[in-house]
Amino acid sequence: MRRPTGYAMLVDPWARVQECDTFTCAHCQRIVFVKPGASASDCGGWCGQCAKPICGPCAGKGACTPFLKKLEQYERGRRAGLD
């Protein structure tokens, strides 16, 4: 993956500090750890519809449902139930 969007530092008092690049899945908000030099398909995949990186389970679904769209659907359903 050429440009990961995040960075993680895992601190364990009984082991050495681990540092790695990360990205957040655009469909489910899962944090994905990126190995150095890995391609987007090795880390999960790339959604051609929303043009963002996605995790492996979301890549396997084959449908584009961005997280913000899911939130909007949830909020619409909540409002309809309160009326």
C-alpha atoms as a PDB file:
ATOM      1  CA  MET A   1       0.000   0.000   0.000  1.00  0.00           C
ATOM      2  CA  ARG A   2       1.587   3.240  -1.103  1.00  0.00           C
ATOM      3  CA  ARG A   3       0.070   5.734   1.317  1.00  0.00           C
ATOM      4  CA  PRO A   4      -1.433   4.337   4.515  1.00  0.00           C
ATOM      5  CA  THR A   5      -3.503   6.947   6.315  1.00  0.00           C
ATOM      6  CA  GLY A   6      -2.717   6.080   9.914  1.00  0.00           C
ATOM      7  CA  TYR A   7       0.018   4.997  12.289  1.00  0.00           C
ATOM      8  CA  ALA A   8      -0.132   2.663  15.292  1.00  0.00           C
ATOM      9  CA  MET A   9       2.276   2.206  18.154  1.00  0.00           C
ATOM     10  CA  LEU A  10       1.604  -0.912  20.246  1.00  0.00           C
ATOM     11  CA  VAL A  11       3.202  -0.703  23.675  1.00  0.00           C
ATOM     12  CA  ASP A  12       3.595  -3.836  25.781  1.00  0.00           C
ATOM     13  CA  PRO A  13       5.563  -3.571  29.034  1.00  0.00           C
ATOM     14  CA  TRP A  14       6.963  -7.124  28.583  1.00  0.00           C
ATOM     15  CA  ALA A  15       7.841  -6.867  24.889  1.00  0.00           C
ATOM     16  CA  ARG A  16       9.360  -4.350  22.535  1.00  0.00           C
ATOM     17  CA  VAL A  17       7.310  -1.516  21.081  1.00  0.00           C
ATOM     18  CA  GLN A  18       5.728  -2.384  17.735  1.00  0.00           C
ATOM     19  CA  GLU A  19       5.077   0.328  15.167  1.00  0.00           C
ATOM     20  CA  CYS A  20       3.147  -0.017  11.923  1.00  0.00           C
ATOM     21  CA  ASP A  21       1.115   1.879   9.351  1.00  0.00           C
ATOM     22  CA  THR A  22      -2.664   1.528   9.319  1.00  0.00           C
ATOM     23  CA  PHE A  23      -5.774   2.504   7.407  1.00  0.00           C
ATOM     24  CA  THR A  24      -9.448   2.583   8.354  1.00  0.00           C
ATOM     25  CA  CYS A  25     -11.913   0.581   6.278  1.00  0.00           C
ATOM     26  CA  ALA A  26     -14.323   2.950   4.529  1.00  0.00           C
ATOM     27  CA  HIS A  27     -17.178   0.446   4.834  1.00  0.00           C
ATOM     28  CA  CYS A  28     -16.988  -0.731   8.482  1.00  0.00           C
ATOM     29  CA  GLN A  29     -14.418   1.524  10.226  1.00  0.00           C
ATOM     30  CA  ARG A  30     -12.141  -1.430  11.101  1.00  0.00           C
ATOM     31  CA  ILE A  31      -8.477  -0.541  11.681  1.00  0.00           C
ATOM     32  CA  VAL A  32      -6.239  -2.572   9.349  1.00  0.00           C
ATOM     33  CA  PHE A  33      -2.511  -2.955  10.018  1.00  0.00           C
ATOM     34  CA  VAL A  34      -0.384  -2.618   6.876  1.00  0.00           C
ATOM     35  CA  LYS A  35       2.787  -4.632   6.429  1.00  0.00           C
ATOM     36  CA  PRO A  36       5.661  -2.720   4.795  1.00  0.00           C
ATOM     37  CA  GLY A  37       5.527  -2.948   1.007  1.00  0.00           C
ATOM     38  CA  ALA A  38       2.129  -4.691   0.962  1.00  0.00           C
ATOM     39  CA  SER A  39      -0.291  -4.017  -1.885  1.00  0.00           C
ATOM     40  CA  ALA A  40      -3.886  -2.894  -1.302  1.00  0.00           C
ATOM     41  CA  SER A  41      -5.169  -6.393  -2.141  1.00  0.00           C
ATOM     42  CA  ASP A  42      -2.862  -7.922   0.497  1.00  0.00           C
ATOM     43  CA  CYS A  43      -4.415  -5.680   3.148  1.00  0.00           C
ATOM     44  CA  GLY A  44      -8.000  -6.170   2.054  1.00  0.00           C
ATOM     45  CA  GLY A  45      -8.876  -4.340  -1.098  1.00  0.00           C
ATOM     46  CA  TRP A  46      -9.761  -1.147  -2.862  1.00  0.00           C
ATOM     47  CA  CYS A  47     -13.379  -0.153  -3.484  1.00  0.00           C
ATOM     48  CA  GLY A  48     -13.683   1.166  -7.023  1.00  0.00           C
ATOM     49  CA  GLN A  49     -17.041   2.818  -6.329  1.00  0.00           C
ATOM     50  CA  CYS A  50     -16.099   4.980  -3.344  1.00  0.00           C
ATOM     51  CA  ALA A  51     -12.350   4.986  -4.198  1.00  0.00           C
ATOM     52  CA  LYS A  52     -11.205   4.116  -0.676  1.00  0.00           C
ATOM     53  CA  PRO A  53      -9.339   1.213   0.965  1.00  0.00           C
ATOM     54  CA  ILE A  54     -11.444  -1.527   2.571  1.00  0.00           C
ATOM     55  CA  CYS A  55     -10.723  -4.511   4.835  1.00  0.00           C
ATOM     56  CA  GLY A  56     -10.758  -8.158   3.720  1.00  0.00           C
ATOM     57  CA  PRO A  57     -14.262  -9.044   4.983  1.00  0.00           C
ATOM     58  CA  CYS A  58     -15.789  -5.995   3.262  1.00  0.00           C
ATOM     59  CA  ALA A  59     -13.875  -6.758   0.055  1.00  0.00           C
ATOM     60  CA  GLY A  60     -15.395 -10.247   0.097  1.00  0.00           C
ATOM     61  CA  LYS A  61     -18.940  -8.839   0.182  1.00  0.00           C
ATOM     62  CA  GLY A  62     -18.533  -7.207  -3.219  1.00  0.00           C
ATOM     63  CA  ALA A  63     -20.932  -4.334  -2.479  1.00  0.00           C
ATOM     64  CA  CYS A  64     -20.152  -0.697  -1.768  1.00  0.00           C
ATOM     65  CA  THR A  65     -21.870   0.502   1.398  1.00  0.00           C
ATOM     66  CA  PRO A  66     -19.801   3.314   2.944  1.00  0.00           C
ATOM     67  CA  PHE A  67     -20.032   3.735   6.705  1.00  0.00           C
ATOM     68  CA  LEU A  68     -21.567   7.221   6.435  1.00  0.00           C
ATOM     69  CA  LYS A  69     -24.344   5.823   4.235  1.00  0.00           C
ATOM     70  CA  LYS A  70     -25.042   3.151   6.880  1.00  0.00           C
ATOM     71  CA  LEU A  71     -25.264   5.862   9.560  1.00  0.00           C
ATOM     72  CA  GLU A  72     -27.697   7.911   7.461  1.00  0.00           C
ATOM     73  CA  GLN A  73     -29.908   4.853   6.943  1.00  0.00           C
ATOM     74  CA  TYR A  74     -29.851   4.111  10.672  1.00  0.00           C
ATOM     75  CA  GLU A  75     -30.744   7.709  11.575  1.00  0.00           C
ATOM     76  CA  ARG A  76     -33.616   7.746   9.048  1.00  0.00           C
ATOM     77  CA  GLY A  77     -34.967   4.561  10.600  1.00  0.00           C
ATOM     78  CA  ARG A  78     -34.680   5.993  14.115  1.00  0.00           C
ATOM     79  CA  ARG A  79     -36.496   9.188  13.121  1.00  0.00           C
ATOM     80  CA  ALA A  80     -39.275   7.227  11.436  1.00  0.00           C
ATOM     81  CA  GLY A  81     -39.753   5.200  14.612  1.00  0.00           C
ATOM     82  CA  LEU A  82     -39.980   8.321  16.816  1.00  0.00           C
ATOM     83  CA  ASP A  83     -42.616  10.087  14.708  1.00  0.00           C
END
